[in-house]
């Protein structure tokens, strides 16, 4: 069974959100979040950082979580997979059925803020003046497909409701919304992909 989960993330607002969300997913399991300065910094340092974790016991596991941004999803996933394999780890993707794996690579299709649009009740609990009807409007029905950038869309909605008038403070927003999120009720595809990555790790890291 899993004793500790290590999660690599590319920015501070994701760290802020996961500090609150992971206990809801993991229960009493320990976790550690390794936060980088940005996506480029994570990708640059990842090969060496993974090699530095070659000693971890079988009961520990690693998730690498990055935003797709403008990258080709398959190319980015191949890069992450190659980094893990070269560090000597079996990944969830490369493992044969029934084989234990140590590293799971997950790409957030849009941005962290898509997870908030996926649980609009949590946003409304944190910021009660935002309209309840937002998820019913065409631009927001697919949280991972919001045009023009998800965090920009969230900032516009919050500003119109009278919040963050000088600009969205991402880490503060992450903490406020994440504490109200229900990890089992989210319509964001990328959130559910992350949730689905955590579950097999909890049950023993077997493909």
N, C-alpha and C. Protein backbone atom coordinates (compact mmCIF):
# COMPACT_ATOMS: atom_id res chain seq x y z
N UNK A 1 0.84 -1.21 0.00
CA UNK A 1 0.00 0.00 0.00
C UNK A 1 0.87 1.26 0.00
N UNK A 2 0.31 2.31 -0.53
CA UNK A 2 1.05 3.56 -0.63
C UNK A 2 1.32 4.16 0.74
N UNK A 3 2.58 4.54 0.96
CA UNK A 3 2.95 5.23 2.20
C UNK A 3 3.20 6.71 1.98
N UNK A 4 3.70 7.07 0.79
CA UNK A 4 3.98 8.48 0.52
C UNK A 4 3.88 8.75 -0.98
N UNK A 5 3.26 9.88 -1.32
CA UNK A 5 3.14 10.31 -2.70
C UNK A 5 3.93 11.62 -2.87
N UNK A 6 4.79 11.64 -3.88
CA UNK A 6 5.56 12.84 -4.23
C UNK A 6 4.98 13.40 -5.52
N UNK A 7 4.66 14.68 -5.52
CA UNK A 7 4.04 15.30 -6.69
C UNK A 7 4.91 16.47 -7.15
N UNK A 8 5.33 16.42 -8.41
CA UNK A 8 6.07 17.52 -9.03
C UNK A 8 5.08 18.43 -9.74
N UNK A 9 5.10 19.73 -9.43
CA UNK A 9 4.20 20.70 -10.07
C UNK A 9 5.02 21.87 -10.57
N UNK A 10 4.42 22.60 -11.50
CA UNK A 10 5.19 23.65 -12.19
C UNK A 10 4.99 25.04 -11.62
N UNK A 11 4.03 25.25 -10.73
CA UNK A 11 3.83 26.61 -10.22
C UNK A 11 3.12 26.59 -8.87
N UNK A 12 3.18 27.75 -8.20
CA UNK A 12 2.78 27.84 -6.80
C UNK A 12 1.29 27.69 -6.58
N UNK A 13 0.46 28.14 -7.52
CA UNK A 13 -0.97 28.01 -7.29
C UNK A 13 -1.41 26.55 -7.32
N UNK A 14 -0.77 25.72 -8.15
CA UNK A 14 -1.06 24.29 -8.13
C UNK A 14 -0.63 23.68 -6.80
N UNK A 15 0.50 24.09 -6.30
CA UNK A 15 0.94 23.62 -4.98
C UNK A 15 -0.08 24.01 -3.91
N UNK A 16 -0.56 25.25 -3.96
CA UNK A 16 -1.53 25.73 -2.97
C UNK A 16 -2.81 24.91 -3.02
N UNK A 17 -3.27 24.60 -4.24
CA UNK A 17 -4.50 23.82 -4.38
C UNK A 17 -4.30 22.39 -3.89
N UNK A 18 -3.20 21.77 -4.28
CA UNK A 18 -2.98 20.36 -3.93
C UNK A 18 -2.72 20.16 -2.44
N UNK A 19 -2.17 21.17 -1.78
CA UNK A 19 -1.98 21.06 -0.33
C UNK A 19 -3.32 20.82 0.36
N UNK A 20 -4.40 21.31 -0.24
CA UNK A 20 -5.73 21.14 0.32
C UNK A 20 -6.45 19.94 -0.29
N UNK A 21 -6.27 19.71 -1.60
CA UNK A 21 -7.00 18.65 -2.29
C UNK A 21 -6.44 17.26 -2.01
N UNK A 22 -5.12 17.13 -1.89
CA UNK A 22 -4.55 15.79 -1.73
C UNK A 22 -5.01 15.09 -0.45
N UNK A 23 -5.11 15.76 0.68
CA UNK A 23 -5.64 15.05 1.86
C UNK A 23 -7.05 14.51 1.65
N UNK A 24 -7.85 15.19 0.81
CA UNK A 24 -9.19 14.69 0.51
C UNK A 24 -9.13 13.41 -0.32
N UNK A 25 -8.08 13.27 -1.11
CA UNK A 25 -7.92 12.09 -1.96
C UNK A 25 -7.16 10.97 -1.27
N UNK A 26 -6.18 11.34 -0.45
CA UNK A 26 -5.23 10.36 0.10
C UNK A 26 -5.55 9.90 1.51
N UNK A 27 -6.43 10.61 2.19
CA UNK A 27 -6.70 10.26 3.58
C UNK A 27 -5.46 10.51 4.44
N UNK A 28 -4.98 9.47 5.11
CA UNK A 28 -3.84 9.60 6.03
C UNK A 28 -2.49 9.40 5.35
N UNK A 29 -2.49 9.12 4.05
CA UNK A 29 -1.23 8.89 3.34
C UNK A 29 -0.42 10.19 3.28
N UNK A 30 0.87 10.09 3.56
CA UNK A 30 1.75 11.25 3.50
C UNK A 30 1.95 11.69 2.05
N UNK A 31 2.23 12.98 1.88
CA UNK A 31 2.57 13.47 0.54
C UNK A 31 3.57 14.61 0.65
N UNK A 32 4.27 14.84 -0.44
CA UNK A 32 5.22 15.94 -0.55
C UNK A 32 5.07 16.56 -1.92
N UNK A 33 4.97 17.87 -1.99
CA UNK A 33 4.84 18.57 -3.27
C UNK A 33 6.15 19.29 -3.57
N UNK A 34 6.71 18.98 -4.73
CA UNK A 34 7.93 19.64 -5.19
C UNK A 34 7.52 20.67 -6.23
N UNK A 35 7.67 21.95 -5.91
CA UNK A 35 7.20 23.02 -6.78
C UNK A 35 8.37 23.68 -7.50
N UNK A 36 8.23 23.86 -8.80
CA UNK A 36 9.25 24.52 -9.60
C UNK A 36 8.81 25.95 -9.91
N UNK A 37 9.70 26.73 -10.51
CA UNK A 37 9.39 28.13 -10.76
C UNK A 37 8.41 28.32 -11.91
N UNK A 38 8.44 27.39 -12.86
CA UNK A 38 7.56 27.45 -14.02
C UNK A 38 7.67 26.13 -14.77
N UNK A 39 6.91 26.00 -15.84
CA UNK A 39 6.93 24.75 -16.62
C UNK A 39 8.32 24.48 -17.20
N UNK A 40 8.94 25.51 -17.77
CA UNK A 40 10.27 25.32 -18.36
C UNK A 40 11.28 24.86 -17.32
N UNK A 41 11.16 25.42 -16.11
CA UNK A 41 12.07 25.04 -15.02
C UNK A 41 11.85 23.58 -14.65
N UNK A 42 10.59 23.15 -14.56
CA UNK A 42 10.29 21.75 -14.24
C UNK A 42 10.88 20.83 -15.30
N UNK A 43 10.62 21.13 -16.56
CA UNK A 43 11.10 20.26 -17.64
C UNK A 43 12.62 20.21 -17.69
N UNK A 44 13.26 21.32 -17.38
CA UNK A 44 14.72 21.36 -17.39
C UNK A 44 15.31 20.54 -16.26
N UNK A 45 14.73 20.65 -15.07
CA UNK A 45 15.29 19.98 -13.90
C UNK A 45 14.82 18.54 -13.72
N UNK A 46 13.72 18.17 -14.38
CA UNK A 46 13.09 16.89 -14.13
C UNK A 46 14.02 15.69 -14.26
N UNK A 47 14.83 15.58 -15.31
CA UNK A 47 15.69 14.38 -15.42
C UNK A 47 16.58 14.18 -14.20
N UNK A 48 17.24 15.25 -13.75
CA UNK A 48 18.13 15.12 -12.59
C UNK A 48 17.35 14.89 -11.30
N UNK A 49 16.19 15.55 -11.16
CA UNK A 49 15.42 15.37 -9.94
C UNK A 49 14.91 13.94 -9.83
N UNK A 50 14.48 13.36 -10.94
CA UNK A 50 14.03 11.97 -10.91
C UNK A 50 15.17 11.02 -10.54
N UNK A 51 16.33 11.25 -11.11
CA UNK A 51 17.48 10.40 -10.76
C UNK A 51 17.81 10.51 -9.28
N UNK A 52 17.54 11.68 -8.71
CA UNK A 52 17.80 11.88 -7.30
C UNK A 52 16.84 11.12 -6.39
N UNK A 53 15.73 10.62 -6.97
CA UNK A 53 14.77 9.84 -6.20
C UNK A 53 14.85 8.35 -6.50
N UNK A 54 15.96 7.92 -7.08
CA UNK A 54 16.10 6.51 -7.45
C UNK A 54 16.07 5.57 -6.24
N UNK A 55 16.27 6.14 -5.05
CA UNK A 55 16.35 5.34 -3.83
C UNK A 55 14.99 5.06 -3.20
N UNK A 56 13.91 5.67 -3.69
CA UNK A 56 12.65 5.61 -2.94
C UNK A 56 12.14 4.17 -2.83
N UNK A 57 11.54 3.83 -1.69
CA UNK A 57 11.05 2.46 -1.47
C UNK A 57 9.83 2.14 -2.33
N UNK A 58 9.48 0.87 -2.39
CA UNK A 58 8.35 0.42 -3.21
C UNK A 58 7.03 1.05 -2.78
N UNK A 59 6.93 1.44 -1.53
CA UNK A 59 5.67 1.98 -1.01
C UNK A 59 5.51 3.48 -1.29
N UNK A 60 6.46 4.07 -2.01
CA UNK A 60 6.36 5.47 -2.41
C UNK A 60 6.08 5.55 -3.90
N UNK A 61 5.47 6.66 -4.33
CA UNK A 61 5.18 6.85 -5.75
C UNK A 61 5.31 8.32 -6.11
N UNK A 62 5.49 8.58 -7.40
CA UNK A 62 5.70 9.94 -7.92
C UNK A 62 4.66 10.24 -8.99
N UNK A 63 4.08 11.44 -8.92
CA UNK A 63 3.26 11.96 -10.01
C UNK A 63 3.91 13.24 -10.52
N UNK A 64 4.06 13.35 -11.84
CA UNK A 64 4.54 14.58 -12.48
C UNK A 64 3.34 15.23 -13.16
N UNK A 65 3.04 16.47 -12.78
CA UNK A 65 1.83 17.15 -13.23
C UNK A 65 2.22 18.45 -13.93
N UNK A 66 1.92 18.55 -15.22
CA UNK A 66 2.27 19.76 -15.98
C UNK A 66 1.08 20.21 -16.83
N UNK A 67 1.05 21.51 -17.14
CA UNK A 67 0.05 22.04 -18.06
C UNK A 67 0.47 21.76 -19.49
N UNK A 68 -0.49 21.50 -20.35
CA UNK A 68 -0.17 21.32 -21.76
C UNK A 68 0.25 22.64 -22.39
N UNK A 69 -0.46 23.73 -22.08
CA UNK A 69 -0.25 25.03 -22.73
C UNK A 69 -0.36 24.84 -24.24
N UNK A 70 0.65 25.28 -24.98
CA UNK A 70 0.60 25.18 -26.45
C UNK A 70 1.36 23.97 -26.98
N UNK A 71 1.83 23.12 -26.10
CA UNK A 71 2.59 21.95 -26.54
C UNK A 71 1.67 20.88 -27.12
N UNK A 72 2.23 20.10 -28.04
CA UNK A 72 1.52 18.93 -28.52
C UNK A 72 1.48 17.91 -27.39
N UNK A 73 0.29 17.46 -27.04
CA UNK A 73 0.10 16.61 -25.87
C UNK A 73 0.96 15.33 -25.96
N UNK A 74 0.95 14.67 -27.11
CA UNK A 74 1.69 13.43 -27.25
C UNK A 74 3.19 13.65 -27.13
N UNK A 75 3.68 14.74 -27.71
CA UNK A 75 5.12 15.04 -27.64
C UNK A 75 5.54 15.31 -26.20
N UNK A 76 4.74 16.10 -25.49
CA UNK A 76 5.06 16.41 -24.09
C UNK A 76 5.02 15.14 -23.24
N UNK A 77 4.01 14.29 -23.46
CA UNK A 77 3.92 13.04 -22.69
C UNK A 77 5.12 12.14 -22.98
N UNK A 78 5.55 12.07 -24.23
CA UNK A 78 6.72 11.26 -24.58
C UNK A 78 7.96 11.76 -23.87
N UNK A 79 8.10 13.08 -23.78
CA UNK A 79 9.25 13.66 -23.09
C UNK A 79 9.25 13.28 -21.61
N UNK A 80 8.09 13.39 -20.97
CA UNK A 80 7.98 13.04 -19.56
C UNK A 80 8.27 11.55 -19.34
N UNK A 81 7.72 10.72 -20.22
CA UNK A 81 7.93 9.28 -20.11
C UNK A 81 9.41 8.94 -20.25
N UNK A 82 10.07 9.57 -21.23
CA UNK A 82 11.47 9.28 -21.48
C UNK A 82 12.33 9.68 -20.28
N UNK A 83 12.01 10.81 -19.68
CA UNK A 83 12.76 11.25 -18.49
C UNK A 83 12.67 10.22 -17.38
N UNK A 84 11.48 9.69 -17.15
CA UNK A 84 11.29 8.70 -16.09
C UNK A 84 12.02 7.40 -16.41
N UNK A 85 11.90 6.93 -17.64
CA UNK A 85 12.54 5.67 -18.02
C UNK A 85 14.06 5.77 -17.94
N UNK A 86 14.60 6.91 -18.37
CA UNK A 86 16.06 7.10 -18.30
C UNK A 86 16.56 7.19 -16.87
N UNK A 87 15.67 7.59 -15.95
CA UNK A 87 16.04 7.63 -14.53
C UNK A 87 15.89 6.26 -13.87
N UNK A 88 15.43 5.28 -14.64
CA UNK A 88 15.33 3.92 -14.12
C UNK A 88 13.99 3.55 -13.53
N UNK A 89 12.95 4.38 -13.79
CA UNK A 89 11.62 4.12 -13.23
C UNK A 89 10.71 3.46 -14.26
N UNK A 90 9.85 2.59 -13.78
CA UNK A 90 8.74 2.11 -14.59
C UNK A 90 7.59 3.09 -14.43
N UNK A 91 6.98 3.49 -15.55
CA UNK A 91 5.86 4.43 -15.50
C UNK A 91 4.55 3.68 -15.64
N UNK A 92 3.48 4.38 -15.30
CA UNK A 92 2.15 3.78 -15.45
C UNK A 92 1.89 3.42 -16.91
N UNK A 93 2.34 4.27 -17.82
CA UNK A 93 2.12 4.02 -19.24
C UNK A 93 2.94 2.85 -19.76
N UNK A 94 4.18 2.73 -19.28
CA UNK A 94 5.07 1.68 -19.80
C UNK A 94 4.89 0.33 -19.11
N UNK A 95 4.24 0.31 -17.97
CA UNK A 95 4.12 -0.93 -17.20
C UNK A 95 3.18 -1.92 -17.89
N UNK A 96 3.56 -3.18 -17.83
CA UNK A 96 2.67 -4.23 -18.32
C UNK A 96 1.54 -4.43 -17.32
N UNK A 97 0.46 -5.05 -17.76
CA UNK A 97 -0.67 -5.32 -16.87
C UNK A 97 -0.21 -6.13 -15.66
N UNK A 98 -0.54 -5.61 -14.48
CA UNK A 98 -0.15 -6.29 -13.25
C UNK A 98 1.23 -5.94 -12.75
N UNK A 99 1.96 -5.13 -13.52
CA UNK A 99 3.32 -4.76 -13.12
C UNK A 99 3.29 -3.50 -12.24
N UNK A 100 4.14 -3.46 -11.23
CA UNK A 100 4.23 -2.30 -10.35
C UNK A 100 4.92 -1.15 -11.08
N UNK A 101 4.42 0.06 -10.88
CA UNK A 101 5.06 1.23 -11.49
C UNK A 101 5.33 2.27 -10.41
N UNK A 102 6.27 3.19 -10.70
CA UNK A 102 6.68 4.18 -9.71
C UNK A 102 6.33 5.61 -10.08
N UNK A 103 6.21 5.89 -11.39
CA UNK A 103 5.99 7.26 -11.85
C UNK A 103 4.74 7.32 -12.72
N UNK A 104 3.90 8.33 -12.45
CA UNK A 104 2.73 8.60 -13.28
C UNK A 104 2.87 10.01 -13.83
N UNK A 105 2.80 10.16 -15.14
CA UNK A 105 2.87 11.48 -15.78
C UNK A 105 1.47 11.90 -16.18
N UNK A 106 1.06 13.09 -15.76
CA UNK A 106 -0.27 13.60 -16.09
C UNK A 106 -0.16 15.02 -16.63
N UNK A 107 -0.88 15.26 -17.73
CA UNK A 107 -0.89 16.58 -18.35
C UNK A 107 -2.25 17.22 -18.11
N UNK A 108 -2.23 18.41 -17.51
CA UNK A 108 -3.46 19.18 -17.31
C UNK A 108 -3.78 19.84 -18.65
N UNK A 109 -4.90 19.46 -19.25
CA UNK A 109 -5.19 19.84 -20.63
C UNK A 109 -5.22 21.35 -20.81
N UNK A 110 -5.79 22.06 -19.90
CA UNK A 110 -5.73 23.52 -19.99
C UNK A 110 -4.87 24.02 -18.83
N UNK A 111 -5.49 24.52 -17.80
CA UNK A 111 -4.76 25.06 -16.66
C UNK A 111 -5.49 24.67 -15.39
N UNK A 112 -4.86 24.90 -14.26
CA UNK A 112 -5.46 24.59 -12.97
C UNK A 112 -6.86 25.17 -12.83
N UNK A 113 -7.04 26.37 -13.37
CA UNK A 113 -8.33 27.04 -13.20
C UNK A 113 -9.48 26.28 -13.84
N UNK A 114 -9.19 25.38 -14.79
CA UNK A 114 -10.24 24.53 -15.35
C UNK A 114 -10.87 23.67 -14.27
N UNK A 115 -10.08 23.28 -13.28
CA UNK A 115 -10.60 22.48 -12.18
C UNK A 115 -11.64 23.26 -11.39
N UNK A 116 -11.46 24.58 -11.27
CA UNK A 116 -12.42 25.40 -10.54
C UNK A 116 -13.73 25.51 -11.32
N UNK A 117 -13.63 25.72 -12.63
CA UNK A 117 -14.85 25.76 -13.44
C UNK A 117 -15.57 24.41 -13.39
N UNK A 118 -14.83 23.34 -13.14
CA UNK A 118 -15.42 22.01 -13.03
C UNK A 118 -16.19 21.79 -11.74
N UNK A 119 -15.97 22.64 -10.75
CA UNK A 119 -16.71 22.56 -9.48
C UNK A 119 -17.16 23.98 -9.13
N UNK A 120 -18.15 24.46 -9.87
CA UNK A 120 -18.57 25.86 -9.71
C UNK A 120 -19.20 26.12 -8.36
N UNK A 121 -19.76 25.10 -7.73
CA UNK A 121 -20.29 25.29 -6.38
C UNK A 121 -19.19 25.71 -5.41
N UNK A 122 -17.98 25.16 -5.60
CA UNK A 122 -16.86 25.53 -4.74
C UNK A 122 -16.48 26.99 -4.96
N UNK A 123 -16.49 27.42 -6.23
CA UNK A 123 -16.18 28.83 -6.54
C UNK A 123 -17.21 29.74 -5.90
N UNK A 124 -18.49 29.37 -6.00
CA UNK A 124 -19.55 30.20 -5.45
C UNK A 124 -19.53 30.23 -3.92
N UNK A 125 -19.06 29.15 -3.31
CA UNK A 125 -18.94 29.15 -1.85
C UNK A 125 -17.82 30.10 -1.42
N UNK A 126 -16.72 30.08 -2.17
CA UNK A 126 -15.60 30.97 -1.85
C UNK A 126 -15.91 32.42 -2.21
N UNK A 127 -16.62 32.62 -3.32
CA UNK A 127 -16.91 33.97 -3.84
C UNK A 127 -18.41 34.05 -4.17
N UNK A 128 -19.24 34.31 -3.17
CA UNK A 128 -20.70 34.17 -3.32
C UNK A 128 -21.34 35.07 -4.36
N UNK A 129 -20.68 36.14 -4.76
CA UNK A 129 -21.32 37.06 -5.71
C UNK A 129 -21.20 36.60 -7.17
N UNK A 130 -20.43 35.56 -7.45
CA UNK A 130 -20.33 35.11 -8.84
C UNK A 130 -21.65 34.44 -9.24
N UNK A 131 -22.05 34.58 -10.49
CA UNK A 131 -23.34 34.01 -10.92
C UNK A 131 -23.35 32.49 -10.89
N UNK A 132 -24.47 31.93 -10.49
CA UNK A 132 -24.62 30.48 -10.48
C UNK A 132 -24.75 29.92 -11.88
N UNK A 133 -25.09 30.78 -12.84
CA UNK A 133 -25.41 30.32 -14.20
C UNK A 133 -24.18 30.16 -15.09
N UNK A 134 -23.00 30.50 -14.60
CA UNK A 134 -21.79 30.45 -15.44
C UNK A 134 -21.62 29.10 -16.15
N UNK A 135 -21.73 27.95 -15.47
CA UNK A 135 -21.50 26.67 -16.16
C UNK A 135 -22.51 26.38 -17.26
N UNK A 136 -23.64 27.08 -17.27
CA UNK A 136 -24.66 26.85 -18.29
C UNK A 136 -24.41 27.66 -19.56
N UNK A 137 -23.48 28.61 -19.50
CA UNK A 137 -23.20 29.46 -20.65
C UNK A 137 -22.21 28.75 -21.58
N UNK A 138 -22.42 28.92 -22.87
CA UNK A 138 -21.67 28.17 -23.87
C UNK A 138 -20.15 28.20 -23.69
N UNK A 139 -19.51 29.34 -23.40
CA UNK A 139 -18.05 29.34 -23.32
C UNK A 139 -17.50 28.52 -22.15
N UNK A 140 -18.34 28.22 -21.16
CA UNK A 140 -17.85 27.60 -19.93
C UNK A 140 -18.33 26.16 -19.73
N UNK A 141 -19.07 25.62 -20.69
CA UNK A 141 -19.65 24.29 -20.49
C UNK A 141 -18.59 23.20 -20.43
N UNK A 142 -17.51 23.38 -21.17
CA UNK A 142 -16.37 22.45 -21.11
C UNK A 142 -15.25 23.15 -20.37
N UNK A 143 -15.02 22.84 -19.10
CA UNK A 143 -14.02 23.57 -18.32
C UNK A 143 -12.62 23.52 -18.93
N UNK A 144 -12.31 22.44 -19.66
CA UNK A 144 -10.98 22.30 -20.24
C UNK A 144 -10.91 22.86 -21.66
N UNK A 145 -12.00 23.42 -22.14
CA UNK A 145 -12.01 23.96 -23.49
C UNK A 145 -12.44 25.41 -23.54
N UNK A 146 -12.28 26.13 -22.45
CA UNK A 146 -12.69 27.54 -22.41
C UNK A 146 -11.77 28.37 -23.30
N UNK A 147 -12.31 29.09 -24.28
CA UNK A 147 -11.46 29.85 -25.21
C UNK A 147 -10.80 31.04 -24.54
N UNK A 148 -9.59 31.34 -25.00
CA UNK A 148 -8.91 32.55 -24.55
C UNK A 148 -8.15 32.43 -23.25
N UNK A 149 -8.00 31.21 -22.73
CA UNK A 149 -7.25 31.03 -21.49
C UNK A 149 -8.17 30.92 -20.29
N UNK A 150 -7.98 29.86 -19.50
CA UNK A 150 -8.89 29.59 -18.40
C UNK A 150 -8.71 30.54 -17.25
N UNK A 151 -7.46 30.85 -16.90
CA UNK A 151 -7.28 31.75 -15.76
C UNK A 151 -7.76 33.15 -16.11
N UNK A 152 -7.58 33.54 -17.38
CA UNK A 152 -8.09 34.85 -17.79
C UNK A 152 -9.61 34.89 -17.70
N UNK A 153 -10.26 33.78 -18.08
CA UNK A 153 -11.72 33.71 -18.00
C UNK A 153 -12.18 33.79 -16.55
N UNK A 154 -11.49 33.07 -15.67
CA UNK A 154 -11.86 33.13 -14.25
C UNK A 154 -11.66 34.53 -13.69
N UNK A 155 -10.57 35.17 -14.07
CA UNK A 155 -10.32 36.53 -13.60
C UNK A 155 -11.44 37.46 -14.05
N UNK A 156 -11.89 37.35 -15.30
CA UNK A 156 -12.97 38.21 -15.80
C UNK A 156 -14.26 38.00 -15.00
N UNK A 157 -14.60 36.72 -14.75
CA UNK A 157 -15.83 36.42 -14.01
C UNK A 157 -15.75 36.99 -12.60
N UNK A 158 -14.61 36.80 -11.95
CA UNK A 158 -14.45 37.28 -10.58
C UNK A 158 -14.44 38.81 -10.51
N UNK A 159 -13.79 39.42 -11.48
CA UNK A 159 -13.77 40.90 -11.49
C UNK A 159 -15.17 41.47 -11.67
N UNK A 160 -15.95 40.86 -12.57
CA UNK A 160 -17.31 41.36 -12.78
C UNK A 160 -18.16 41.22 -11.53
N UNK A 161 -17.79 40.27 -10.68
CA UNK A 161 -18.52 40.07 -9.42
C UNK A 161 -17.93 40.92 -8.28
N UNK A 162 -16.87 41.69 -8.59
CA UNK A 162 -16.30 42.59 -7.59
C UNK A 162 -15.12 42.05 -6.83
N UNK A 163 -14.54 40.94 -7.31
CA UNK A 163 -13.38 40.34 -6.65
C UNK A 163 -12.12 40.58 -7.49
N UNK A 164 -10.97 40.66 -6.83
CA UNK A 164 -9.67 40.75 -7.50
C UNK A 164 -9.65 41.86 -8.55
N UNK A 165 -10.09 43.04 -8.16
CA UNK A 165 -10.20 44.14 -9.11
C UNK A 165 -8.84 44.59 -9.64
N UNK A 166 -7.78 44.31 -8.91
CA UNK A 166 -6.43 44.68 -9.36
C UNK A 166 -5.72 43.51 -10.02
N UNK A 167 -6.42 42.40 -10.23
CA UNK A 167 -5.81 41.24 -10.88
C UNK A 167 -5.91 40.00 -10.02
N UNK A 168 -6.05 38.86 -10.68
CA UNK A 168 -6.22 37.59 -9.97
C UNK A 168 -4.95 37.20 -9.24
N UNK A 169 -5.08 36.94 -7.94
CA UNK A 169 -3.97 36.42 -7.14
C UNK A 169 -4.14 34.90 -7.07
N UNK A 170 -3.37 34.21 -7.92
CA UNK A 170 -3.65 32.81 -8.18
C UNK A 170 -3.55 31.92 -6.95
N UNK A 171 -2.50 32.09 -6.16
CA UNK A 171 -2.32 31.21 -5.00
C UNK A 171 -3.42 31.45 -3.97
N UNK A 172 -3.78 32.70 -3.75
CA UNK A 172 -4.85 33.02 -2.81
C UNK A 172 -6.16 32.41 -3.29
N UNK A 173 -6.44 32.54 -4.58
CA UNK A 173 -7.65 31.99 -5.17
C UNK A 173 -7.67 30.47 -5.03
N UNK A 174 -6.51 29.84 -5.27
CA UNK A 174 -6.42 28.38 -5.16
C UNK A 174 -6.78 27.90 -3.77
N UNK A 175 -6.25 28.58 -2.76
CA UNK A 175 -6.53 28.17 -1.38
C UNK A 175 -8.00 28.35 -1.03
N UNK A 176 -8.58 29.47 -1.47
CA UNK A 176 -9.97 29.76 -1.13
C UNK A 176 -10.94 28.77 -1.77
N UNK A 177 -10.69 28.43 -3.04
CA UNK A 177 -11.61 27.54 -3.75
C UNK A 177 -11.38 26.09 -3.38
N UNK A 178 -10.12 25.66 -3.30
CA UNK A 178 -9.81 24.24 -3.09
C UNK A 178 -10.41 23.71 -1.79
N UNK A 179 -10.49 24.55 -0.77
CA UNK A 179 -11.01 24.05 0.51
C UNK A 179 -12.48 23.66 0.41
N UNK A 180 -13.17 24.17 -0.61
CA UNK A 180 -14.59 23.86 -0.78
C UNK A 180 -14.84 22.81 -1.86
N UNK A 181 -13.81 22.37 -2.56
CA UNK A 181 -14.00 21.46 -3.69
C UNK A 181 -14.32 20.05 -3.22
N UNK A 182 -15.23 19.41 -3.94
CA UNK A 182 -15.57 18.01 -3.72
C UNK A 182 -14.81 17.19 -4.76
N UNK A 183 -13.84 16.40 -4.33
CA UNK A 183 -12.98 15.69 -5.29
C UNK A 183 -13.73 14.61 -6.05
N UNK A 184 -14.93 14.28 -5.61
CA UNK A 184 -15.72 13.27 -6.30
C UNK A 184 -16.83 13.86 -7.18
N UNK A 185 -16.89 15.19 -7.25
CA UNK A 185 -17.91 15.87 -8.04
C UNK A 185 -17.26 17.00 -8.82
N UNK A 186 -16.64 16.66 -9.95
CA UNK A 186 -15.97 17.67 -10.76
C UNK A 186 -16.14 17.28 -12.22
N UNK A 187 -16.54 18.24 -13.05
CA UNK A 187 -16.79 17.92 -14.46
C UNK A 187 -15.61 18.27 -15.36
N UNK A 188 -14.49 18.69 -14.78
CA UNK A 188 -13.28 18.91 -15.57
C UNK A 188 -12.64 17.58 -15.91
N UNK A 189 -12.42 17.34 -17.19
CA UNK A 189 -11.80 16.09 -17.63
C UNK A 189 -10.40 15.95 -17.05
N UNK A 190 -9.63 17.03 -17.06
CA UNK A 190 -8.25 16.93 -16.57
C UNK A 190 -8.21 16.69 -15.06
N UNK A 191 -9.17 17.25 -14.31
CA UNK A 191 -9.22 16.95 -12.89
C UNK A 191 -9.49 15.47 -12.67
N UNK A 192 -10.44 14.93 -13.41
CA UNK A 192 -10.78 13.53 -13.24
C UNK A 192 -9.66 12.61 -13.70
N UNK A 193 -8.88 13.05 -14.70
CA UNK A 193 -7.71 12.27 -15.10
C UNK A 193 -6.69 12.22 -13.96
N UNK A 194 -6.53 13.34 -13.26
CA UNK A 194 -5.63 13.36 -12.11
C UNK A 194 -6.17 12.48 -10.99
N UNK A 195 -7.45 12.63 -10.70
CA UNK A 195 -8.09 11.80 -9.67
C UNK A 195 -7.96 10.32 -10.02
N UNK A 196 -8.15 9.98 -11.28
CA UNK A 196 -8.04 8.59 -11.72
C UNK A 196 -6.60 8.08 -11.67
N UNK A 197 -5.64 8.99 -11.74
CA UNK A 197 -4.24 8.59 -11.61
C UNK A 197 -3.90 8.27 -10.16
N UNK A 198 -4.53 8.98 -9.23
CA UNK A 198 -4.23 8.78 -7.81
C UNK A 198 -4.79 7.46 -7.31
N UNK A 199 -5.96 7.07 -7.77
CA UNK A 199 -6.64 5.90 -7.21
C UNK A 199 -5.85 4.60 -7.32
N UNK A 200 -5.29 4.25 -8.51
CA UNK A 200 -4.51 3.00 -8.57
C UNK A 200 -3.23 3.07 -7.75
N UNK A 201 -2.68 4.25 -7.60
CA UNK A 201 -1.49 4.39 -6.76
C UNK A 201 -1.84 4.06 -5.31
N UNK A 202 -2.98 4.55 -4.87
CA UNK A 202 -3.42 4.25 -3.50
C UNK A 202 -3.58 2.76 -3.26
N UNK A 203 -4.02 2.07 -4.30
CA UNK A 203 -4.32 0.64 -4.12
C UNK A 203 -3.13 -0.26 -4.38
N UNK A 204 -1.97 0.35 -4.65
CA UNK A 204 -0.79 -0.51 -4.74
C UNK A 204 0.12 -0.26 -5.92
N UNK A 205 -0.09 0.80 -6.70
CA UNK A 205 0.78 1.14 -7.82
C UNK A 205 0.99 -0.02 -8.77
N UNK A 206 -0.08 -0.68 -9.16
CA UNK A 206 0.00 -1.78 -10.12
C UNK A 206 -0.82 -1.42 -11.34
N UNK A 207 -0.25 -1.59 -12.54
CA UNK A 207 -0.94 -1.24 -13.78
C UNK A 207 -2.09 -2.22 -14.05
